[in-house]
mmCIF file of all heavy atoms, coordinates in Angstrom:
data_MODEL
# 
_entry.id   MODEL 
# 
loop_
_atom_site.group_PDB 
_atom_site.id 
_atom_site.type_symbol 
_atom_site.label_atom_id 
_atom_site.label_alt_id 
_atom_site.label_comp_id 
_atom_site.label_asym_id 
_atom_site.label_entity_id 
_atom_site.label_seq_id 
_atom_site.pdbx_PDB_ins_code 
_atom_site.Cartn_x 
_atom_site.Cartn_y 
_atom_site.Cartn_z 
_atom_site.occupancy 
_atom_site.B_iso_or_equiv 
_atom_site.pdbx_formal_charge 
_atom_site.auth_seq_id 
_atom_site.auth_comp_id 
_atom_site.auth_asym_id 
_atom_site.auth_atom_id 
_atom_site.pdbx_PDB_model_num 
ATOM 1   N N   . ALA A 1 1  ? -7.898  -32.889 -52.240 1.00 0.00 ? 1  ALA A N   1 
ATOM 2   C CA  . ALA A 1 1  ? -8.828  -31.927 -51.661 1.00 0.00 ? 1  ALA A CA  1 
ATOM 3   C C   . ALA A 1 1  ? -9.076  -32.214 -50.186 1.00 0.00 ? 1  ALA A C   1 
ATOM 4   O O   . ALA A 1 1  ? -9.120  -31.297 -49.357 1.00 0.00 ? 1  ALA A O   1 
ATOM 5   C CB  . ALA A 1 1  ? -10.145 -31.940 -52.431 1.00 0.00 ? 1  ALA A CB  1 
ATOM 6   N N   . THR A 1 2  ? -9.216  -33.477 -49.836 1.00 0.00 ? 2  THR A N   1 
ATOM 7   C CA  . THR A 1 2  ? -9.474  -33.854 -48.446 1.00 0.00 ? 2  THR A CA  1 
ATOM 8   C C   . THR A 1 2  ? -8.293  -33.493 -47.558 1.00 0.00 ? 2  THR A C   1 
ATOM 9   O O   . THR A 1 2  ? -8.447  -32.842 -46.524 1.00 0.00 ? 2  THR A O   1 
ATOM 10  C CB  . THR A 1 2  ? -9.766  -35.360 -48.339 1.00 0.00 ? 2  THR A CB  1 
ATOM 11  O OG1 . THR A 1 2  ? -10.895 -35.663 -49.145 1.00 0.00 ? 2  THR A OG1 1 
ATOM 12  C CG2 . THR A 1 2  ? -10.035 -35.757 -46.911 1.00 0.00 ? 2  THR A CG2 1 
ATOM 13  N N   . PHE A 1 3  ? -7.101  -33.913 -47.946 1.00 0.00 ? 3  PHE A N   1 
ATOM 14  C CA  . PHE A 1 3  ? -5.929  -33.626 -47.121 1.00 0.00 ? 3  PHE A CA  1 
ATOM 15  C C   . PHE A 1 3  ? -5.569  -32.149 -47.148 1.00 0.00 ? 3  PHE A C   1 
ATOM 16  O O   . PHE A 1 3  ? -5.013  -31.625 -46.191 1.00 0.00 ? 3  PHE A O   1 
ATOM 17  C CB  . PHE A 1 3  ? -4.742  -34.482 -47.550 1.00 0.00 ? 3  PHE A CB  1 
ATOM 18  C CG  . PHE A 1 3  ? -4.911  -35.920 -47.185 1.00 0.00 ? 3  PHE A CG  1 
ATOM 19  C CD1 . PHE A 1 3  ? -4.914  -36.901 -48.158 1.00 0.00 ? 3  PHE A CD1 1 
ATOM 20  C CD2 . PHE A 1 3  ? -5.100  -36.299 -45.868 1.00 0.00 ? 3  PHE A CD2 1 
ATOM 21  C CE1 . PHE A 1 3  ? -5.076  -38.235 -47.825 1.00 0.00 ? 3  PHE A CE1 1 
ATOM 22  C CE2 . PHE A 1 3  ? -5.263  -37.629 -45.525 1.00 0.00 ? 3  PHE A CE2 1 
ATOM 23  C CZ  . PHE A 1 3  ? -5.260  -38.592 -46.499 1.00 0.00 ? 3  PHE A CZ  1 
ATOM 24  N N   . GLY A 1 4  ? -5.890  -31.463 -48.233 1.00 0.00 ? 4  GLY A N   1 
ATOM 25  C CA  . GLY A 1 4  ? -5.653  -30.025 -48.299 1.00 0.00 ? 4  GLY A CA  1 
ATOM 26  C C   . GLY A 1 4  ? -6.485  -29.265 -47.282 1.00 0.00 ? 4  GLY A C   1 
ATOM 27  O O   . GLY A 1 4  ? -6.060  -28.229 -46.762 1.00 0.00 ? 4  GLY A O   1 
ATOM 28  N N   . GLU A 1 5  ? -7.664  -29.773 -46.981 1.00 0.00 ? 5  GLU A N   1 
ATOM 29  C CA  . GLU A 1 5  ? -8.526  -29.138 -45.985 1.00 0.00 ? 5  GLU A CA  1 
ATOM 30  C C   . GLU A 1 5  ? -8.223  -29.620 -44.572 1.00 0.00 ? 5  GLU A C   1 
ATOM 31  O O   . GLU A 1 5  ? -8.387  -28.880 -43.610 1.00 0.00 ? 5  GLU A O   1 
ATOM 32  C CB  . GLU A 1 5  ? -10.001 -29.398 -46.318 1.00 0.00 ? 5  GLU A CB  1 
ATOM 33  C CG  . GLU A 1 5  ? -10.455 -28.746 -47.600 1.00 0.00 ? 5  GLU A CG  1 
ATOM 34  C CD  . GLU A 1 5  ? -10.285 -27.237 -47.581 1.00 0.00 ? 5  GLU A CD  1 
ATOM 35  O OE1 . GLU A 1 5  ? -10.568 -26.606 -46.543 1.00 0.00 ? 5  GLU A OE1 1 
ATOM 36  O OE2 . GLU A 1 5  ? -9.857  -26.689 -48.611 1.00 0.00 ? 5  GLU A OE2 1 
ATOM 37  N N   . LEU A 1 6  ? -7.803  -30.875 -44.422 1.00 0.00 ? 6  LEU A N   1 
ATOM 38  C CA  . LEU A 1 6  ? -7.525  -31.408 -43.087 1.00 0.00 ? 6  LEU A CA  1 
ATOM 39  C C   . LEU A 1 6  ? -6.225  -30.875 -42.496 1.00 0.00 ? 6  LEU A C   1 
ATOM 40  O O   . LEU A 1 6  ? -6.125  -30.704 -41.284 1.00 0.00 ? 6  LEU A O   1 
ATOM 41  C CB  . LEU A 1 6  ? -7.469  -32.934 -43.136 1.00 0.00 ? 6  LEU A CB  1 
ATOM 42  C CG  . LEU A 1 6  ? -8.802  -33.651 -43.197 1.00 0.00 ? 6  LEU A CG  1 
ATOM 43  C CD1 . LEU A 1 6  ? -8.583  -35.143 -43.334 1.00 0.00 ? 6  LEU A CD1 1 
ATOM 44  C CD2 . LEU A 1 6  ? -9.618  -33.358 -41.953 1.00 0.00 ? 6  LEU A CD2 1 
ATOM 45  N N   . HIS A 1 7  ? -5.234  -30.620 -43.321 1.00 0.00 ? 7  HIS A N   1 
ATOM 46  C CA  . HIS A 1 7  ? -3.938  -30.186 -42.812 1.00 0.00 ? 7  HIS A CA  1 
ATOM 47  C C   . HIS A 1 7  ? -4.025  -28.876 -42.026 1.00 0.00 ? 7  HIS A C   1 
ATOM 48  O O   . HIS A 1 7  ? -3.530  -28.796 -40.905 1.00 0.00 ? 7  HIS A O   1 
ATOM 49  C CB  . HIS A 1 7  ? -2.926  -30.087 -43.956 1.00 0.00 ? 7  HIS A CB  1 
ATOM 50  C CG  . HIS A 1 7  ? -1.563  -29.783 -43.482 1.00 0.00 ? 7  HIS A CG  1 
ATOM 51  N ND1 . HIS A 1 7  ? -0.935  -28.611 -43.782 1.00 0.00 ? 7  HIS A ND1 1 
ATOM 52  C CD2 . HIS A 1 7  ? -0.696  -30.487 -42.700 1.00 0.00 ? 7  HIS A CD2 1 
ATOM 53  C CE1 . HIS A 1 7  ? 0.265   -28.611 -43.219 1.00 0.00 ? 7  HIS A CE1 1 
ATOM 54  N NE2 . HIS A 1 7  ? 0.424   -29.727 -42.554 1.00 0.00 ? 7  HIS A NE2 1 
ATOM 55  N N   . PRO A 1 8  ? -4.666  -27.827 -42.558 1.00 0.00 ? 8  PRO A N   1 
ATOM 56  C CA  . PRO A 1 8  ? -4.787  -26.601 -41.751 1.00 0.00 ? 8  PRO A CA  1 
ATOM 57  C C   . PRO A 1 8  ? -5.586  -26.812 -40.463 1.00 0.00 ? 8  PRO A C   1 
ATOM 58  O O   . PRO A 1 8  ? -5.272  -26.230 -39.427 1.00 0.00 ? 8  PRO A O   1 
ATOM 59  C CB  . PRO A 1 8  ? -5.506  -25.619 -42.678 1.00 0.00 ? 8  PRO A CB  1 
ATOM 60  C CG  . PRO A 1 8  ? -5.254  -26.127 -44.048 1.00 0.00 ? 8  PRO A CG  1 
ATOM 61  C CD  . PRO A 1 8  ? -5.159  -27.615 -43.922 1.00 0.00 ? 8  PRO A CD  1 
ATOM 62  N N   . ALA A 1 9  ? -6.613  -27.649 -40.520 1.00 0.00 ? 9  ALA A N   1 
ATOM 63  C CA  . ALA A 1 9  ? -7.392  -27.931 -39.307 1.00 0.00 ? 9  ALA A CA  1 
ATOM 64  C C   . ALA A 1 9  ? -6.519  -28.621 -38.265 1.00 0.00 ? 9  ALA A C   1 
ATOM 65  O O   . ALA A 1 9  ? -6.582  -28.301 -37.068 1.00 0.00 ? 9  ALA A O   1 
ATOM 66  C CB  . ALA A 1 9  ? -8.615  -28.780 -39.649 1.00 0.00 ? 9  ALA A CB  1 
ATOM 67  N N   . CYS A 1 10 ? -5.712  -29.563 -38.705 1.00 0.00 ? 10 CYS A N   1 
ATOM 68  C CA  . CYS A 1 10 ? -4.800  -30.245 -37.773 1.00 0.00 ? 10 CYS A CA  1 
ATOM 69  C C   . CYS A 1 10 ? -3.761  -29.286 -37.214 1.00 0.00 ? 10 CYS A C   1 
ATOM 70  O O   . CYS A 1 10 ? -3.371  -29.396 -36.053 1.00 0.00 ? 10 CYS A O   1 
ATOM 71  C CB  . CYS A 1 10 ? -4.116  -31.407 -38.469 1.00 0.00 ? 10 CYS A CB  1 
ATOM 72  S SG  . CYS A 1 10 ? -5.217  -32.790 -38.817 1.00 0.00 ? 10 CYS A SG  1 
ATOM 73  N N   . ASP A 1 11 ? -3.310  -28.349 -38.040 1.00 0.00 ? 11 ASP A N   1 
ATOM 74  C CA  . ASP A 1 11 ? -2.349  -27.354 -37.550 1.00 0.00 ? 11 ASP A CA  1 
ATOM 75  C C   . ASP A 1 11 ? -2.923  -26.550 -36.394 1.00 0.00 ? 11 ASP A C   1 
ATOM 76  O O   . ASP A 1 11 ? -2.210  -26.199 -35.462 1.00 0.00 ? 11 ASP A O   1 
ATOM 77  C CB  . ASP A 1 11 ? -1.929  -26.403 -38.674 1.00 0.00 ? 11 ASP A CB  1 
ATOM 78  C CG  . ASP A 1 11 ? -0.837  -26.980 -39.547 1.00 0.00 ? 11 ASP A CG  1 
ATOM 79  O OD1 . ASP A 1 11 ? -0.233  -27.982 -39.145 1.00 0.00 ? 11 ASP A OD1 1 
ATOM 80  O OD2 . ASP A 1 11 ? -0.584  -26.410 -40.626 1.00 0.00 ? 11 ASP A OD2 1 
ATOM 81  N N   . HIS A 1 12 ? -4.203  -26.245 -36.459 1.00 0.00 ? 12 HIS A N   1 
ATOM 82  C CA  . HIS A 1 12 ? -4.814  -25.400 -35.428 1.00 0.00 ? 12 HIS A CA  1 
ATOM 83  C C   . HIS A 1 12 ? -5.329  -26.181 -34.233 1.00 0.00 ? 12 HIS A C   1 
ATOM 84  O O   . HIS A 1 12 ? -5.306  -25.680 -33.109 1.00 0.00 ? 12 HIS A O   1 
ATOM 85  C CB  . HIS A 1 12 ? -5.956  -24.579 -36.029 1.00 0.00 ? 12 HIS A CB  1 
ATOM 86  C CG  . HIS A 1 12 ? -5.469  -23.522 -36.976 1.00 0.00 ? 12 HIS A CG  1 
ATOM 87  N ND1 . HIS A 1 12 ? -4.836  -22.383 -36.553 1.00 0.00 ? 12 HIS A ND1 1 
ATOM 88  C CD2 . HIS A 1 12 ? -5.485  -23.467 -38.318 1.00 0.00 ? 12 HIS A CD2 1 
ATOM 89  C CE1 . HIS A 1 12 ? -4.504  -21.665 -37.599 1.00 0.00 ? 12 HIS A CE1 1 
ATOM 90  N NE2 . HIS A 1 12 ? -4.887  -22.291 -38.680 1.00 0.00 ? 12 HIS A NE2 1 
ATOM 91  N N   . TRP A 1 13 ? -5.834  -27.391 -34.446 1.00 0.00 ? 13 TRP A N   1 
ATOM 92  C CA  . TRP A 1 13 ? -6.504  -28.102 -33.368 1.00 0.00 ? 13 TRP A CA  1 
ATOM 93  C C   . TRP A 1 13 ? -5.708  -29.261 -32.773 1.00 0.00 ? 13 TRP A C   1 
ATOM 94  O O   . TRP A 1 13 ? -5.905  -29.617 -31.620 1.00 0.00 ? 13 TRP A O   1 
ATOM 95  C CB  . TRP A 1 13 ? -7.856  -28.628 -33.851 1.00 0.00 ? 13 TRP A CB  1 
ATOM 96  C CG  . TRP A 1 13 ? -8.779  -27.511 -34.189 1.00 0.00 ? 13 TRP A CG  1 
ATOM 97  C CD1 . TRP A 1 13 ? -9.093  -27.074 -35.432 1.00 0.00 ? 13 TRP A CD1 1 
ATOM 98  C CD2 . TRP A 1 13 ? -9.474  -26.651 -33.288 1.00 0.00 ? 13 TRP A CD2 1 
ATOM 99  N NE1 . TRP A 1 13 ? -9.943  -26.000 -35.358 1.00 0.00 ? 13 TRP A NE1 1 
ATOM 100 C CE2 . TRP A 1 13 ? -10.190 -25.714 -34.048 1.00 0.00 ? 13 TRP A CE2 1 
ATOM 101 C CE3 . TRP A 1 13 ? -9.550  -26.581 -31.896 1.00 0.00 ? 13 TRP A CE3 1 
ATOM 102 C CZ2 . TRP A 1 13 ? -10.979 -24.734 -33.472 1.00 0.00 ? 13 TRP A CZ2 1 
ATOM 103 C CZ3 . TRP A 1 13 ? -10.343 -25.597 -31.327 1.00 0.00 ? 13 TRP A CZ3 1 
ATOM 104 C CH2 . TRP A 1 13 ? -11.047 -24.698 -32.109 1.00 0.00 ? 13 TRP A CH2 1 
ATOM 105 N N   . VAL A 1 14 ? -4.825  -29.876 -33.540 1.00 0.00 ? 14 VAL A N   1 
ATOM 106 C CA  . VAL A 1 14 ? -4.126  -31.060 -33.059 1.00 0.00 ? 14 VAL A CA  1 
ATOM 107 C C   . VAL A 1 14 ? -2.697  -30.739 -32.632 1.00 0.00 ? 14 VAL A C   1 
ATOM 108 O O   . VAL A 1 14 ? -2.239  -31.174 -31.586 1.00 0.00 ? 14 VAL A O   1 
ATOM 109 C CB  . VAL A 1 14 ? -4.122  -32.169 -34.146 1.00 0.00 ? 14 VAL A CB  1 
ATOM 110 C CG1 . VAL A 1 14 ? -3.360  -33.385 -33.667 1.00 0.00 ? 14 VAL A CG1 1 
ATOM 111 C CG2 . VAL A 1 14 ? -5.549  -32.534 -34.510 1.00 0.00 ? 14 VAL A CG2 1 
ATOM 112 N N   . GLN A 1 15 ? -2.013  -29.967 -33.434 1.00 0.00 ? 15 GLN A N   1 
ATOM 113 C CA  . GLN A 1 15 ? -0.615  -29.653 -33.163 1.00 0.00 ? 15 GLN A CA  1 
ATOM 114 C C   . GLN A 1 15 ? -0.501  -28.690 -31.982 1.00 0.00 ? 15 GLN A C   1 
ATOM 115 O O   . GLN A 1 15 ? -1.225  -27.710 -31.906 1.00 0.00 ? 15 GLN A O   1 
ATOM 116 C CB  . GLN A 1 15 ? -0.001  -29.014 -34.407 1.00 0.00 ? 15 GLN A CB  1 
ATOM 117 C CG  . GLN A 1 15 ? 1.400   -28.553 -34.227 1.00 0.00 ? 15 GLN A CG  1 
ATOM 118 C CD  . GLN A 1 15 ? 1.935   -27.934 -35.494 1.00 0.00 ? 15 GLN A CD  1 
ATOM 119 O OE1 . GLN A 1 15 ? 2.865   -28.448 -36.053 1.00 0.00 ? 15 GLN A OE1 1 
ATOM 120 N NE2 . GLN A 1 15 ? 1.343   -26.858 -35.945 1.00 0.00 ? 15 GLN A NE2 1 
ATOM 121 N N   . GLY A 1 16 ? 0.407   -28.973 -31.087 1.00 0.00 ? 16 GLY A N   1 
ATOM 122 C CA  . GLY A 1 16 ? 0.622   -28.101 -29.944 1.00 0.00 ? 16 GLY A CA  1 
ATOM 123 C C   . GLY A 1 16 ? 1.445   -26.871 -30.305 1.00 0.00 ? 16 GLY A C   1 
ATOM 124 O O   . GLY A 1 16 ? 2.157   -26.860 -31.307 1.00 0.00 ? 16 GLY A O   1 
ATOM 125 N N   . PRO A 1 17 ? 1.355   -25.811 -29.501 1.00 0.00 ? 17 PRO A N   1 
ATOM 126 C CA  . PRO A 1 17 ? 2.105   -24.590 -29.810 1.00 0.00 ? 17 PRO A CA  1 
ATOM 127 C C   . PRO A 1 17 ? 3.621   -24.791 -29.744 1.00 0.00 ? 17 PRO A C   1 
ATOM 128 O O   . PRO A 1 17 ? 4.358   -24.168 -30.499 1.00 0.00 ? 17 PRO A O   1 
ATOM 129 C CB  . PRO A 1 17 ? 1.633   -23.585 -28.760 1.00 0.00 ? 17 PRO A CB  1 
ATOM 130 C CG  . PRO A 1 17 ? 1.022   -24.400 -27.674 1.00 0.00 ? 17 PRO A CG  1 
ATOM 131 C CD  . PRO A 1 17 ? 0.541   -25.674 -28.303 1.00 0.00 ? 17 PRO A CD  1 
ATOM 132 N N   . LYS A 1 18 ? 4.085   -25.666 -28.864 1.00 0.00 ? 18 LYS A N   1 
ATOM 133 C CA  . LYS A 1 18 ? 5.530   -25.914 -28.781 1.00 0.00 ? 18 LYS A CA  1 
ATOM 134 C C   . LYS A 1 18 ? 6.028   -26.568 -30.056 1.00 0.00 ? 18 LYS A C   1 
ATOM 135 O O   . LYS A 1 18 ? 7.070   -26.192 -30.595 1.00 0.00 ? 18 LYS A O   1 
ATOM 136 C CB  . LYS A 1 18 ? 5.852   -26.794 -27.577 1.00 0.00 ? 18 LYS A CB  1 
ATOM 137 C CG  . LYS A 1 18 ? 5.653   -26.111 -26.256 1.00 0.00 ? 18 LYS A CG  1 
ATOM 138 C CD  . LYS A 1 18 ? 5.972   -27.049 -25.114 1.00 0.00 ? 18 LYS A CD  1 
ATOM 139 C CE  . LYS A 1 18 ? 5.679   -26.388 -23.791 1.00 0.00 ? 18 LYS A CE  1 
ATOM 140 N NZ  . LYS A 1 18 ? 5.927   -27.304 -22.675 1.00 0.00 ? 18 LYS A NZ  1 
ATOM 141 N N   . SER A 1 19 ? 5.306   -27.543 -30.539 1.00 0.00 ? 19 SER A N   1 
ATOM 142 C CA  . SER A 1 19 ? 5.699   -28.224 -31.770 1.00 0.00 ? 19 SER A CA  1 
ATOM 143 C C   . SER A 1 19 ? 5.683   -27.258 -32.952 1.00 0.00 ? 19 SER A C   1 
ATOM 144 O O   . SER A 1 19 ? 6.568   -27.284 -33.800 1.00 0.00 ? 19 SER A O   1 
ATOM 145 C CB  . SER A 1 19 ? 4.766   -29.398 -32.033 1.00 0.00 ? 19 SER A CB  1 
ATOM 146 O OG  . SER A 1 19 ? 5.110   -30.064 -33.206 1.00 0.00 ? 19 SER A OG  1 
ATOM 147 N N   . ALA A 1 20 ? 4.683   -26.401 -32.991 1.00 0.00 ? 20 ALA A N   1 
ATOM 148 C CA  . ALA A 1 20 ? 4.578   -25.441 -34.090 1.00 0.00 ? 20 ALA A CA  1 
ATOM 149 C C   . ALA A 1 20 ? 5.760   -24.473 -34.112 1.00 0.00 ? 20 ALA A C   1 
ATOM 150 O O   . ALA A 1 20 ? 6.306   -24.168 -35.168 1.00 0.00 ? 20 ALA A O   1 
ATOM 151 C CB  . ALA A 1 20 ? 3.272   -24.656 -33.978 1.00 0.00 ? 20 ALA A CB  1 
ATOM 152 N N   . SER A 1 21 ? 6.173   -24.007 -32.953 1.00 0.00 ? 21 SER A N   1 
ATOM 153 C CA  . SER A 1 21 ? 7.264   -23.036 -32.917 1.00 0.00 ? 21 SER A CA  1 
ATOM 154 C C   . SER A 1 21 ? 8.626   -23.690 -33.114 1.00 0.00 ? 21 SER A C   1 
ATOM 155 O O   . SER A 1 21 ? 9.555   -23.061 -33.614 1.00 0.00 ? 21 SER A O   1 
ATOM 156 C CB  . SER A 1 21 ? 7.243   -22.266 -31.598 1.00 0.00 ? 21 SER A CB  1 
ATOM 157 O OG  . SER A 1 21 ? 7.502   -23.134 -30.512 1.00 0.00 ? 21 SER A OG  1 
ATOM 158 N N   . ARG A 1 22 ? 8.758   -24.947 -32.761 1.00 0.00 ? 22 ARG A N   1 
ATOM 159 C CA  . ARG A 1 22 ? 10.058  -25.624 -32.873 1.00 0.00 ? 22 ARG A CA  1 
ATOM 160 C C   . ARG A 1 22 ? 10.323  -26.201 -34.250 1.00 0.00 ? 22 ARG A C   1 
ATOM 161 O O   . ARG A 1 22 ? 11.448  -26.588 -34.545 1.00 0.00 ? 22 ARG A O   1 
ATOM 162 C CB  . ARG A 1 22 ? 10.151  -26.728 -31.829 1.00 0.00 ? 22 ARG A CB  1 
ATOM 163 C CG  . ARG A 1 22 ? 10.214  -26.185 -30.429 1.00 0.00 ? 22 ARG A CG  1 
ATOM 164 C CD  . ARG A 1 22 ? 10.241  -27.276 -29.411 1.00 0.00 ? 22 ARG A CD  1 
ATOM 165 N NE  . ARG A 1 22 ? 10.179  -26.701 -28.074 1.00 0.00 ? 22 ARG A NE  1 
ATOM 166 C CZ  . ARG A 1 22 ? 9.852   -27.374 -27.002 1.00 0.00 ? 22 ARG A CZ  1 
ATOM 167 N NH1 . ARG A 1 22 ? 9.568   -28.653 -27.095 1.00 0.00 ? 22 ARG A NH1 1 
ATOM 168 N NH2 . ARG A 1 22 ? 9.805   -26.774 -25.839 1.00 0.00 ? 22 ARG A NH2 1 
ATOM 169 N N   . LYS A 1 23 ? 9.314   -26.278 -35.122 1.00 0.00 ? 23 LYS A N   1 
ATOM 170 C CA  . LYS A 1 23 ? 9.516   -26.850 -36.448 1.00 0.00 ? 23 LYS A CA  1 
ATOM 171 C C   . LYS A 1 23 ? 10.526  -26.046 -37.263 1.00 0.00 ? 23 LYS A C   1 
ATOM 172 O O   . LYS A 1 23 ? 11.150  -26.577 -38.157 1.00 0.00 ? 23 LYS A O   1 
ATOM 173 C CB  . LYS A 1 23 ? 8.196   -26.912 -37.224 1.00 0.00 ? 23 LYS A CB  1 
ATOM 174 C CG  . LYS A 1 23 ? 7.268   -27.981 -36.740 1.00 0.00 ? 23 LYS A CG  1 
ATOM 175 C CD  . LYS A 1 23 ? 6.111   -28.211 -37.688 1.00 0.00 ? 23 LYS A CD  1 
ATOM 176 C CE  . LYS A 1 23 ? 5.277   -27.001 -37.895 1.00 0.00 ? 23 LYS A CE  1 
ATOM 177 N NZ  . LYS A 1 23 ? 4.074   -27.253 -38.697 1.00 0.00 ? 23 LYS A NZ  1 
ATOM 178 N N   . ARG A 1 24 ? 10.700  -24.782 -36.958 1.00 0.00 ? 24 ARG A N   1 
ATOM 179 C CA  . ARG A 1 24 ? 11.583  -23.918 -37.739 1.00 0.00 ? 24 ARG A CA  1 
ATOM 180 C C   . ARG A 1 24 ? 13.006  -23.852 -37.207 1.00 0.00 ? 24 ARG A C   1 
ATOM 181 O O   . ARG A 1 24 ? 13.832  -23.141 -37.751 1.00 0.00 ? 24 ARG A O   1 
ATOM 182 C CB  . ARG A 1 24 ? 11.020  -22.504 -37.756 1.00 0.00 ? 24 ARG A CB  1 
ATOM 183 C CG  . ARG A 1 24 ? 9.676   -22.411 -38.405 1.00 0.00 ? 24 ARG A CG  1 
ATOM 184 C CD  . ARG A 1 24 ? 9.193   -20.977 -38.449 1.00 0.00 ? 24 ARG A CD  1 
ATOM 185 N NE  . ARG A 1 24 ? 7.794   -20.953 -38.776 1.00 0.00 ? 24 ARG A NE  1 
ATOM 186 C CZ  . ARG A 1 24 ? 6.839   -20.598 -37.948 1.00 0.00 ? 24 ARG A CZ  1 
ATOM 187 N NH1 . ARG A 1 24 ? 7.130   -20.212 -36.734 1.00 0.00 ? 24 ARG A NH1 1 
ATOM 188 N NH2 . ARG A 1 24 ? 5.593   -20.609 -38.324 1.00 0.00 ? 24 ARG A NH2 1 
ATOM 189 N N   . LEU A 1 25 ? 13.297  -24.566 -36.136 1.00 0.00 ? 25 LEU A N   1 
ATOM 190 C CA  . LEU A 1 25 ? 14.620  -24.474 -35.526 1.00 0.00 ? 25 LEU A CA  1 
ATOM 191 C C   . LEU A 1 25 ? 15.686  -25.176 -36.360 1.00 0.00 ? 25 LEU A C   1 
ATOM 192 O O   . LEU A 1 25 ? 15.438  -26.222 -36.936 1.00 0.00 ? 25 LEU A O   1 
ATOM 193 C CB  . LEU A 1 25 ? 14.596  -25.085 -34.118 1.00 0.00 ? 25 LEU A CB  1 
ATOM 194 C CG  . LEU A 1 25 ? 13.759  -24.362 -33.077 1.00 0.00 ? 25 LEU A CG  1 
ATOM 195 C CD1 . LEU A 1 25 ? 13.811  -25.121 -31.760 1.00 0.00 ? 25 LEU A CD1 1 
ATOM 196 C CD2 . LEU A 1 25 ? 14.251  -22.950 -32.881 1.00 0.00 ? 25 LEU A CD2 1 
# 
């Protein structure tokens, strides 16, 4: 439950936009 809630928060606040877009390459 803890990591299930933290992961989306980290996606929005910690991860940079470049990293987010390049994960699918």
